[in-house]
Amino acid sequence: MVGNPGALIQAVPNYRFSPWVLLYALLIAYSSTVIGPMGLHYVPIDPTEAWSQFIGRAFTWVDNGSDQRADWMGNLSMYIPFGFLLTGTLWPRRGGAGGRGLAMLAAFAVGVGFLLAVKYAQIFFPPRTVTLNYVVAQSVGTAVGAMVFALTHGRMSRMVWHGASGGRDNLRTLLRVYAAALSIFLLMPLDFALSVGDLMAVAQRLPSVLFAMPGAGRPAVVQATALVASTVAAAPFGLLMVVGPNGRNRLFGVAILRGIVWMLVLFALTAMLLSGAPTFVSVFCRMIGVGAGVCGMRWLVRQDPRRLRQRLRTWSLLLLPLYLLVLLAVNGVLSTHWRNPAETLRDVYVLGLIPLFDYYIVTKAAAAKNIVGHLAMYAPLGVFAWLRGYRPRAGFVWAFVLALGIETARYLRPGLEGDVNAVAVAGLAALFAARLMPGLWRMLEGAMLPALATPNGDQAPGWRERAAAGQVRAMARAATDEETEHF
């Protein structure tokens, strides 16, 4: 039935990337031209004069200081998804390494041509910055995105075609992708200290931030939620530490130790950032999250998937009121102090109503963290929709309406301001979460249930037999005070 795996990998339809690369290109063009410090600021210029200015700026390197490194890395990071999606669109369904190499080169060429066209358009939207620095950064980002697709395409294809039969391997791959994404997110904006002066500046700043509380100066509920979120975000890292290669799970102590080492490495790398704020409280919370993930994985492999899903379905209904209460509290709308609509309309920041403007006036790292924060806040509604058996669009509608109400309330709350971008992000977060949950659950089932047959053709034990075997091993460990585990 499976046939030739290579043919299946080559047959993955790459047209699925086309709408996404077009959407992402439109977002880049819009955010790079229309959005500006004064809003829409188009200045008609003679095309010949504009071309002259473009040549003079786009091929001139500006010797910026270390304080501009974060912006440079932000521009690089922004084009990595574009290069990835563009390569996926041009990737050949069939062909050898030569055809794939040409696809990568074509994607890079198209990406560079696109970014140069956007840079030329920016001449008509002052005071947008056009320099060789940003051309290089965005070109490098496009190349990195192309290479990431080439390196991960085979694994992604196998994940699509193997389905539940490769659930455990797919889960391990997904957890590794998550761990990489989490590491990059924690290290944003990737402005590492690269000179003696930078290192001295970092060393002088560290003592004042190591013992600080994350989110200092913000409401207590926001600080507490941020610490809980940091702990939960590290839990999948703990799952990965347990799921080893070749179908084996690592021992408890080994998994914990590996997770702690990785968290300490990330902590040390964060300390090397010019804008980093590593705190002992944060790394401690992440270590707790890793430990919870390790324990959770050890518990998960002994569960019956059907019964577990039914329990989660019940728990989700019970936890929904608590989730909504925390969501309202974190957004600061649990209050008795409100402005009337007339005052709100009088004081509203008009430019903030322009889509994506709030992301432009902050650093790219801050914008990314804002987006990720809203994704995390509203994705549970998509999970809830899946657990309760609703269509993904239901999750989208719930999150969209809820976010619209919350952001409207923030405009009416003294001292706060709404974010129009959060409404769209919330709906998409719930929609994607609902759509991704079936595949993610199949991967978890692959970890909970063994393969149908062992390599020699014998039937492997089911979850009940494995759970019983786990209990026997636990009793043996208690008797011998040794820890050997092969679940």
Protein backbone atom coordinates (compact mmCIF):
# COMPACT_ATOMS: atom_id res chain seq x y z
CA MET A 1 0.00 0.00 0.00
CA VAL A 2 2.76 2.42 0.91
CA GLY A 3 4.81 1.89 -2.22
CA ASN A 4 8.02 3.72 -2.80
CA PRO A 5 8.62 6.22 0.07
CA GLY A 6 10.77 8.37 -2.19
CA ALA A 7 7.94 8.73 -4.69
CA LEU A 8 5.56 9.66 -1.89
CA ILE A 9 7.94 12.31 -0.61
CA GLN A 10 8.31 13.77 -4.09
CA ALA A 11 4.53 13.78 -4.57
CA VAL A 12 3.80 16.17 -1.70
CA PRO A 13 1.79 18.98 -3.34
CA ASN A 14 3.84 22.14 -3.17
CA TYR A 15 0.97 24.32 -4.38
CA ARG A 16 -0.15 24.46 -0.75
CA PHE A 17 2.64 26.92 -0.07
CA SER A 18 1.54 29.35 -2.78
CA PRO A 19 -1.25 31.18 -0.90
CA TRP A 20 0.95 31.54 2.16
CA VAL A 21 3.93 32.96 0.29
CA LEU A 22 1.65 35.46 -1.44
CA LEU A 23 0.05 36.48 1.85
CA TYR A 24 3.44 36.83 3.54
CA ALA A 25 4.78 38.88 0.61
CA LEU A 26 1.78 41.22 0.88
CA LEU A 27 2.38 41.61 4.61
CA ILE A 28 6.04 42.47 4.03
CA ALA A 29 5.20 44.97 1.29
CA TYR A 30 2.45 46.57 3.38
CA SER A 31 4.49 46.80 6.59
CA SER A 32 7.55 48.09 4.70
CA THR A 33 5.80 50.90 2.85
CA VAL A 34 2.32 51.88 4.03
CA ILE A 35 3.15 51.66 7.73
CA GLY A 36 5.32 54.53 8.93
CA PRO A 37 5.79 56.86 11.93
CA MET A 38 3.27 59.27 10.39
CA GLY A 39 0.94 56.62 9.00
CA LEU A 40 0.48 56.53 5.24
CA HIS A 41 3.01 59.04 3.88
CA TYR A 42 3.35 58.68 0.13
CA VAL A 43 5.50 61.32 -1.60
CA PRO A 44 5.39 61.42 -5.41
CA ILE A 45 8.90 61.32 -6.90
CA ASP A 46 10.04 61.18 -10.49
CA PRO A 47 10.89 57.51 -11.19
CA THR A 48 14.33 58.48 -12.52
CA GLU A 49 15.11 60.45 -9.36
CA ALA A 50 13.74 57.62 -7.22
CA TRP A 51 15.98 55.12 -9.04
CA SER A 52 19.00 57.35 -8.48
CA GLN A 53 18.23 57.58 -4.77
CA PHE A 54 17.67 53.83 -4.60
CA ILE A 55 21.04 53.04 -6.20
CA GLY A 56 22.76 55.49 -3.90
CA ARG A 57 21.20 54.07 -0.73
CA ALA A 58 20.67 50.35 -1.37
CA PHE A 59 24.34 49.78 -2.21
CA THR A 60 25.82 51.91 0.57
CA TRP A 61 26.96 50.22 3.76
CA VAL A 62 26.38 52.22 6.94
CA ASP A 63 28.68 51.56 9.87
CA ASN A 64 26.07 51.28 12.63
CA GLY A 65 26.79 50.75 16.30
CA SER A 66 25.94 47.75 18.45
CA ASP A 67 22.59 49.29 19.31
CA GLN A 68 21.42 48.64 15.72
CA ARG A 69 22.29 44.94 15.79
CA ALA A 70 18.87 43.95 17.10
CA ASP A 71 17.14 45.72 14.21
CA TRP A 72 19.52 44.07 11.72
CA MET A 73 18.75 40.63 13.15
CA GLY A 74 15.05 41.47 13.13
CA ASN A 75 15.18 42.18 9.40
CA LEU A 76 17.05 38.93 8.84
CA SER A 77 14.53 36.93 10.86
CA MET A 78 11.58 38.52 9.06
CA TYR A 79 12.68 37.05 5.73
CA ILE A 80 13.39 33.51 6.95
CA PRO A 81 9.71 32.43 6.70
CA PHE A 82 9.52 34.12 3.30
CA GLY A 83 12.51 32.15 2.01
CA PHE A 84 11.07 28.97 3.50
CA LEU A 85 7.63 29.40 1.89
CA LEU A 86 9.09 30.57 -1.41
CA THR A 87 11.33 27.51 -1.63
CA GLY A 88 8.38 25.28 -0.80
CA THR A 89 6.41 26.86 -3.64
CA LEU A 90 9.19 26.29 -6.18
CA TRP A 91 10.28 22.86 -4.88
CA PRO A 92 10.01 20.20 -7.61
CA ARG A 93 7.66 17.31 -7.05
CA ARG A 94 10.09 15.03 -8.81
CA GLY A 95 13.74 15.29 -9.60
CA GLY A 96 17.12 14.77 -8.05
CA ALA A 97 19.48 16.96 -6.11
CA GLY A 98 20.13 19.09 -9.19
CA GLY A 99 16.48 20.11 -9.54
CA ARG A 100 16.22 20.87 -5.84
CA GLY A 101 19.40 22.92 -5.95
CA LEU A 102 17.98 24.94 -8.83
CA ALA A 103 14.78 25.45 -6.82
CA MET A 104 16.79 26.85 -3.92
CA LEU A 105 18.72 29.19 -6.22
CA ALA A 106 15.52 30.29 -7.92
CA ALA A 107 13.85 30.95 -4.58
CA PHE A 108 16.84 32.99 -3.43
CA ALA A 109 16.88 34.98 -6.68
CA VAL A 110 13.14 35.68 -6.54
CA GLY A 111 13.41 36.60 -2.86
CA VAL A 112 16.25 39.05 -3.46
CA GLY A 113 14.40 40.54 -6.43
CA PHE A 114 11.30 41.00 -4.29
CA LEU A 115 13.13 42.65 -1.41
CA LEU A 116 14.93 45.01 -3.81
CA ALA A 117 11.57 45.96 -5.32
CA VAL A 118 10.25 46.68 -1.82
CA LYS A 119 13.35 48.77 -1.07
CA TYR A 120 12.77 50.76 -4.24
CA ALA A 121 9.13 51.34 -3.25
CA GLN A 122 10.29 52.61 0.14
CA ILE A 123 11.88 55.62 -1.58
CA PHE A 124 8.33 56.87 -2.14
CA PHE A 125 7.45 56.47 1.57
CA PRO A 126 9.86 58.60 3.61
CA PRO A 127 11.36 58.36 6.15
CA ARG A 128 11.76 54.62 5.45
CA THR A 129 15.38 53.52 5.67
CA VAL A 130 17.09 51.98 2.64
CA THR A 131 20.69 50.82 3.10
CA LEU A 132 22.90 47.95 2.05
CA ASN A 133 22.83 46.74 5.67
CA TYR A 134 19.16 45.80 5.43
CA VAL A 135 19.51 44.40 1.91
CA VAL A 136 22.21 42.04 3.17
CA ALA A 137 20.21 41.10 6.28
CA GLN A 138 17.08 40.27 4.32
CA SER A 139 19.04 38.41 1.64
CA VAL A 140 20.69 36.28 4.32
CA GLY A 141 17.26 35.63 5.86
CA THR A 142 15.91 34.47 2.51
CA ALA A 143 18.89 32.13 2.06
CA VAL A 144 18.48 30.72 5.57
CA GLY A 145 14.78 30.08 4.94
CA ALA A 146 15.61 28.24 1.71
CA MET A 147 18.19 26.06 3.45
CA VAL A 148 15.84 25.29 6.33
CA PHE A 149 13.20 24.06 3.89
CA ALA A 150 15.74 21.92 2.01
CA LEU A 151 16.95 20.35 5.26
CA THR A 152 13.51 19.68 6.71
CA HIS A 153 11.48 18.86 3.60
CA GLY A 154 12.08 15.11 3.79
CA ARG A 155 11.06 14.90 7.42
CA MET A 156 7.97 17.03 6.86
CA SER A 157 6.94 14.83 3.96
CA ARG A 158 7.32 11.68 6.03
CA MET A 159 5.22 13.27 8.77
CA VAL A 160 2.46 13.95 6.24
CA TRP A 161 2.48 10.51 4.62
CA HIS A 162 3.18 8.22 7.57
CA GLY A 163 0.38 9.63 9.71
CA ALA A 164 -0.37 7.69 12.87
CA SER A 165 1.94 4.80 11.90
CA GLY A 166 4.92 7.03 12.57
CA GLY A 167 3.32 8.90 15.45
CA ARG A 168 6.17 8.56 17.89
CA ASP A 169 8.85 9.61 15.41
CA ASN A 170 6.66 12.45 14.22
CA LEU A 171 6.14 13.57 17.81
CA ARG A 172 9.89 13.61 18.39
CA THR A 173 10.39 15.66 15.23
CA LEU A 174 7.67 18.12 16.24
CA LEU A 175 9.15 18.47 19.72
CA ARG A 176 12.57 19.17 18.26
CA VAL A 177 11.08 21.88 16.04
CA TYR A 178 9.33 23.34 19.06
CA ALA A 179 12.53 23.27 21.12
CA ALA A 180 14.40 25.10 18.34
CA ALA A 181 11.62 27.68 18.02
CA LEU A 182 11.49 28.19 21.80
CA SER A 183 15.26 28.63 21.95
CA ILE A 184 15.20 31.25 19.19
CA PHE A 185 12.28 33.02 20.84
CA LEU A 186 14.07 33.17 24.19
CA LEU A 187 17.20 34.53 22.50
CA MET A 188 15.46 37.24 20.52
CA PRO A 189 16.54 39.71 19.22
CA LEU A 190 19.76 37.68 18.82
CA ASP A 191 21.94 40.76 19.39
CA PHE A 192 24.88 38.90 20.92
CA ALA A 193 27.83 40.77 22.36
CA LEU A 194 30.61 40.50 19.77
CA SER A 195 33.24 42.96 20.98
CA VAL A 196 35.13 43.71 24.17
CA GLY A 197 33.07 46.85 24.68
CA ASP A 198 29.85 44.87 24.27
CA LEU A 199 31.02 42.24 26.75
CA MET A 200 31.92 44.90 29.32
CA ALA A 201 28.50 46.52 28.90
CA VAL A 202 26.80 43.16 29.41
CA ALA A 203 28.92 42.41 32.50
CA GLN A 204 28.01 45.74 34.07
CA ARG A 205 24.31 45.21 33.46
CA LEU A 206 24.00 41.58 34.60
CA PRO A 207 24.08 42.10 38.42
CA SER A 208 21.05 44.38 38.21
CA VAL A 209 18.90 41.91 36.25
CA LEU A 210 19.86 38.46 37.57
CA PHE A 211 17.81 38.81 40.74
CA ALA A 212 15.02 40.89 39.21
CA MET A 213 11.47 39.67 38.91
CA PRO A 214 10.30 39.20 35.30
CA GLY A 215 7.69 41.78 34.40
CA ALA A 216 8.66 44.08 37.28
CA GLY A 217 6.38 47.10 37.45
CA ARG A 218 3.44 45.30 35.88
CA PRO A 219 0.35 44.07 37.80
CA ALA A 220 0.90 41.04 40.02
CA VAL A 221 -1.53 38.92 38.02
CA VAL A 222 0.46 39.63 34.84
CA GLN A 223 3.73 38.70 36.54
CA ALA A 224 2.28 35.48 37.93
CA THR A 225 0.77 34.54 34.57
CA ALA A 226 4.07 35.22 32.83
CA LEU A 227 5.89 32.90 35.23
CA VAL A 228 3.29 30.17 34.76
CA ALA A 229 3.48 30.61 30.98
CA SER A 230 7.28 30.35 31.12
CA THR A 231 6.95 27.11 33.08
CA VAL A 232 4.35 25.64 30.73
CA ALA A 233 6.35 26.66 27.64
CA ALA A 234 9.30 24.58 28.86
CA ALA A 235 7.19 21.45 29.45
CA PRO A 236 7.38 20.22 25.81
CA PHE A 237 11.14 20.52 26.16
CA GLY A 238 10.88 17.98 28.97
CA LEU A 239 8.78 15.70 26.75
CA LEU A 240 11.57 15.80 24.17
CA MET A 241 14.15 14.86 26.78
CA VAL A 242 12.25 11.62 27.42
CA VAL A 243 11.51 10.65 23.81
CA GLY A 244 14.82 9.27 22.63
CA PRO A 245 15.85 7.90 19.23
CA ASN A 246 15.17 4.37 17.94
CA GLY A 247 11.88 4.05 19.80
CA ARG A 248 13.44 4.18 23.28
CA ASN A 249 12.63 6.49 26.16
CA ARG A 250 15.36 7.89 28.36
CA LEU A 251 15.63 7.21 32.07
CA PHE A 252 14.08 9.74 34.41
CA GLY A 253 17.37 11.02 35.82
CA VAL A 254 19.00 11.27 32.40
CA ALA A 255 16.06 13.17 30.94
CA ILE A 256 15.96 15.61 33.86
CA LEU A 257 19.71 16.22 33.69
CA ARG A 258 19.64 16.82 29.94
CA GLY A 259 16.77 19.26 30.29
CA ILE A 260 18.48 21.21 33.06
CA VAL A 261 21.71 21.42 31.05
CA TRP A 262 19.83 22.80 28.03
CA MET A 263 18.06 25.40 30.18
CA LEU A 264 21.41 26.47 31.67
CA VAL A 265 22.90 26.77 28.18
CA LEU A 266 19.99 28.96 27.09
CA PHE A 267 20.39 31.00 30.27
CA ALA A 268 24.08 31.57 29.51
CA LEU A 269 23.33 32.53 25.90
CA THR A 270 20.64 34.96 27.06
CA ALA A 271 23.23 36.59 29.32
CA MET A 272 25.33 37.28 26.23
CA LEU A 273 22.61 39.37 24.58
CA LEU A 274 22.99 43.13 24.57
CA SER A 275 19.28 43.48 25.31
CA GLY A 276 18.86 40.25 27.24
CA ALA A 277 17.43 40.15 30.74
CA PRO A 278 18.28 36.71 32.20
CA THR A 279 16.85 36.16 35.66
CA PHE A 280 17.28 33.30 38.09
CA VAL A 281 13.52 33.21 38.60
CA SER A 282 12.90 32.58 34.90
CA VAL A 283 15.46 29.81 34.55
CA PHE A 284 14.12 28.19 37.73
CA CYS A 285 10.58 28.22 36.32
CA ARG A 286 11.81 26.70 33.07
CA MET A 287 13.58 23.94 34.96
CA ILE A 288 10.34 23.19 36.78
CA GLY A 289 8.61 23.10 33.39
CA VAL A 290 11.18 20.64 32.06
CA GLY A 291 10.69 18.43 35.11
CA ALA A 292 6.92 18.57 34.66
CA GLY A 293 7.34 17.62 31.00
CA VAL A 294 9.53 14.63 31.89
CA CYS A 295 7.06 13.42 34.52
CA GLY A 296 4.16 14.11 32.17
CA MET A 297 5.68 12.01 29.41
CA ARG A 298 6.34 9.12 31.76
CA TRP A 299 2.70 9.33 32.84
CA LEU A 300 1.40 9.79 29.31
CA VAL A 301 2.88 6.58 27.89
CA ARG A 302 0.80 4.56 30.35
CA GLN A 303 -2.54 6.09 29.37
CA ASP A 304 -5.39 4.86 27.22
CA PRO A 305 -5.77 7.55 24.50
CA ARG A 306 -9.56 7.26 24.32
CA ARG A 307 -10.11 7.53 28.03
CA LEU A 308 -7.57 10.34 28.34
CA ARG A 309 -9.27 12.34 25.61
CA GLN A 310 -12.63 11.88 27.31
CA ARG A 311 -11.19 13.11 30.62
CA LEU A 312 -9.65 16.11 28.89
CA ARG A 313 -13.01 16.83 27.29
CA THR A 314 -14.63 16.95 30.72
CA TRP A 315 -11.82 18.96 32.31
CA SER A 316 -11.90 21.53 29.50
CA LEU A 317 -15.51 22.44 30.34
CA LEU A 318 -14.67 22.78 34.02
CA LEU A 319 -11.57 24.89 33.37
CA LEU A 320 -13.20 27.20 30.83
CA PRO A 321 -14.49 29.73 33.44
CA LEU A 322 -11.05 29.89 35.08
CA TYR A 323 -9.41 30.43 31.69
CA LEU A 324 -11.78 33.28 30.85
CA LEU A 325 -11.23 34.89 34.26
CA VAL A 326 -7.44 34.78 33.89
CA LEU A 327 -7.68 36.11 30.32
CA LEU A 328 -9.73 39.10 31.46
CA ALA A 329 -7.42 39.74 34.41
CA VAL A 330 -4.23 39.61 32.35
CA ASN A 331 -5.68 42.10 29.89
CA GLY A 332 -6.59 44.45 32.75
CA VAL A 333 -10.31 44.65 32.10
CA LEU A 334 -11.49 43.39 35.49
CA SER A 335 -12.18 46.86 36.85
CA THR A 336 -14.93 49.23 37.94
CA HIS A 337 -13.20 52.30 36.50
CA TRP A 338 -14.18 53.09 32.90
CA ARG A 339 -14.22 56.03 30.53
CA ASN A 340 -17.31 56.96 28.60
CA PRO A 341 -17.26 56.42 24.81
CA ALA A 342 -16.99 60.16 24.12
CA GLU A 343 -13.79 60.44 26.17
CA THR A 344 -12.41 57.34 24.51
CA LEU A 345 -13.03 58.66 20.99
CA ARG A 346 -11.47 61.98 21.92
CA ASP A 347 -8.27 60.46 23.32
CA VAL A 348 -7.86 57.47 21.02
CA TYR A 349 -4.55 57.24 19.17
CA VAL A 350 -5.76 57.22 15.57
CA LEU A 351 -2.58 55.76 14.08
CA GLY A 352 -2.93 52.81 16.43
CA LEU A 353 -6.08 51.82 14.54
CA ILE A 354 -4.03 51.16 11.38
CA PRO A 355 -3.39 47.40 11.07
CA LEU A 356 0.16 46.44 12.08
CA PHE A 357 1.06 50.00 13.14
CA ASP A 358 1.54 48.94 16.78
CA TYR A 359 4.08 46.38 15.58
CA TYR A 360 5.99 49.03 13.64
CA ILE A 361 6.53 51.50 16.48
CA VAL A 362 8.26 48.88 18.66
CA THR A 363 11.28 46.70 18.01
CA LYS A 364 10.79 43.60 15.90
CA ALA A 365 11.59 41.45 18.93
CA ALA A 366 8.89 43.19 20.97
CA ALA A 367 6.43 42.80 18.10
CA ALA A 368 7.20 39.08 17.83
CA LYS A 369 6.73 38.59 21.57
CA ASN A 370 3.44 40.47 21.43
CA ILE A 371 2.20 38.19 18.65
CA VAL A 372 3.35 35.03 20.44
CA GLY A 373 1.70 36.23 23.64
CA HIS A 374 -1.67 36.69 21.93
CA LEU A 375 -1.28 33.34 20.16
CA ALA A 376 -0.76 31.65 23.53
CA MET A 377 -3.72 33.50 25.09
CA TYR A 378 -6.30 32.46 22.50
CA ALA A 379 -5.05 29.10 21.18
CA PRO A 380 -6.76 27.25 24.10
CA LEU A 381 -10.11 28.18 22.55
CA GLY A 382 -9.14 26.19 19.46
CA VAL A 383 -8.15 23.23 21.65
CA PHE A 384 -11.47 23.54 23.47
CA ALA A 385 -13.37 23.54 20.17
CA TRP A 386 -11.57 20.35 19.10
CA LEU A 387 -12.15 18.59 22.41
CA ARG A 388 -15.87 19.44 22.36
CA GLY A 389 -16.25 18.27 18.76
CA TYR A 390 -16.90 21.66 17.15
CA ARG A 391 -15.60 22.73 13.76
CA PRO A 392 -12.36 24.78 13.70
CA ARG A 393 -14.29 27.81 12.46
CA ALA A 394 -16.18 27.82 15.77
CA GLY A 395 -12.93 28.35 17.62
CA PHE A 396 -12.09 31.19 15.23
CA VAL A 397 -15.42 32.93 15.86
CA TRP A 398 -15.18 32.53 19.65
CA ALA A 399 -11.64 33.90 19.80
CA PHE A 400 -12.37 36.71 17.36
CA VAL A 401 -15.45 37.89 19.25
CA LEU A 402 -13.78 37.52 22.65
CA ALA A 403 -10.67 39.41 21.56
CA LEU A 404 -12.80 42.13 19.97
CA GLY A 405 -14.65 42.59 23.25
CA ILE A 406 -11.46 42.62 25.31
CA GLU A 407 -9.63 45.09 23.08
CA THR A 408 -12.69 47.36 22.99
CA ALA A 409 -12.79 47.22 26.79
CA ARG A 410 -9.11 48.15 26.92
CA TYR A 411 -9.87 51.32 24.96
CA LEU A 412 -12.52 52.19 27.56
CA ARG A 413 -10.24 51.41 30.49
CA PRO A 414 -8.24 54.40 31.79
CA GLY A 415 -4.51 53.94 31.28
CA LEU A 416 -4.88 51.15 28.71
CA GLU A 417 -5.14 51.03 24.95
CA GLY A 418 -6.54 48.34 22.71
CA ASP A 419 -4.68 46.52 19.97
CA VAL A 420 -6.61 46.00 16.74
CA ASN A 421 -4.04 43.44 15.59
CA ALA A 422 -4.82 41.18 18.54
CA VAL A 423 -8.31 40.49 17.21
CA ALA A 424 -7.05 38.90 13.99
CA VAL A 425 -4.21 37.11 15.78
CA ALA A 426 -6.66 35.66 18.31
CA GLY A 427 -8.98 34.26 15.65
CA LEU A 428 -6.12 32.73 13.66
CA ALA A 429 -4.58 31.26 16.82
CA ALA A 430 -7.78 29.41 17.69
CA LEU A 431 -8.36 28.33 14.09
CA PHE A 432 -4.87 26.88 13.64
CA ALA A 433 -4.95 25.23 17.07
CA ALA A 434 -8.23 23.48 16.23
CA ARG A 435 -6.91 22.34 12.87
CA LEU A 436 -3.58 21.11 14.26
CA MET A 437 -4.97 19.22 17.25
CA PRO A 438 -6.09 16.06 15.34
CA GLY A 439 -2.62 15.55 13.91
CA LEU A 440 -0.95 16.36 17.21
CA TRP A 441 -3.19 13.92 19.03
CA ARG A 442 -2.31 11.17 16.55
CA MET A 443 1.34 11.81 17.35
CA LEU A 444 0.62 11.55 21.07
CA GLU A 445 -1.25 8.31 20.44
CA GLY A 446 1.88 7.05 18.71
CA ALA A 447 3.76 7.68 21.95
CA MET A 448 1.02 6.18 24.10
CA LEU A 449 0.48 3.08 21.95
CA PRO A 450 3.21 0.75 20.67
CA ALA A 451 3.60 -0.21 17.02
CA LEU A 452 1.18 -2.88 15.75
CA ALA A 453 3.94 -5.40 15.28
CA THR A 454 7.54 -5.86 16.34
CA PRO A 455 10.30 -6.18 13.70
CA ASN A 456 10.16 -9.99 13.91
CA GLY A 457 6.42 -9.99 13.13
CA ASP A 458 5.08 -10.68 16.65
CA GLN A 459 2.26 -8.56 18.01
CA ALA A 460 3.48 -5.93 20.44
CA PRO A 461 1.65 -5.57 23.77
CA GLY A 462 -1.14 -3.04 24.05
CA TRP A 463 -1.40 -0.19 26.53
CA ARG A 464 -2.91 -2.33 29.29
CA GLU A 465 -0.13 -4.89 29.13
CA ARG A 466 2.47 -2.15 29.01
CA ALA A 467 0.91 -0.39 32.00
CA ALA A 468 0.94 -3.66 33.96
CA ALA A 469 4.55 -4.22 32.99
CA GLY A 470 5.34 -0.69 34.15
CA GLN A 471 3.80 -1.42 37.55
CA VAL A 472 5.84 -4.61 37.85
CA ARG A 473 9.00 -2.70 37.03
CA ALA A 474 8.11 -0.04 39.59
CA MET A 475 7.72 -2.72 42.26
CA ALA A 476 11.04 -4.24 41.24
CA ARG A 477 12.77 -0.87 41.46
CA ALA A 478 11.33 -0.33 44.91
CA ALA A 479 12.64 -3.70 46.01
CA THR A 480 16.10 -3.41 44.52
CA ASP A 481 16.47 0.39 44.80
CA GLU A 482 17.59 0.52 41.18
CA GLU A 483 16.13 2.47 38.24
CA THR A 484 16.03 0.60 34.97
CA GLU A 485 13.20 1.41 32.64
CA HIS A 486 12.25 0.38 29.10
CA PHE A 487 8.65 1.48 28.63
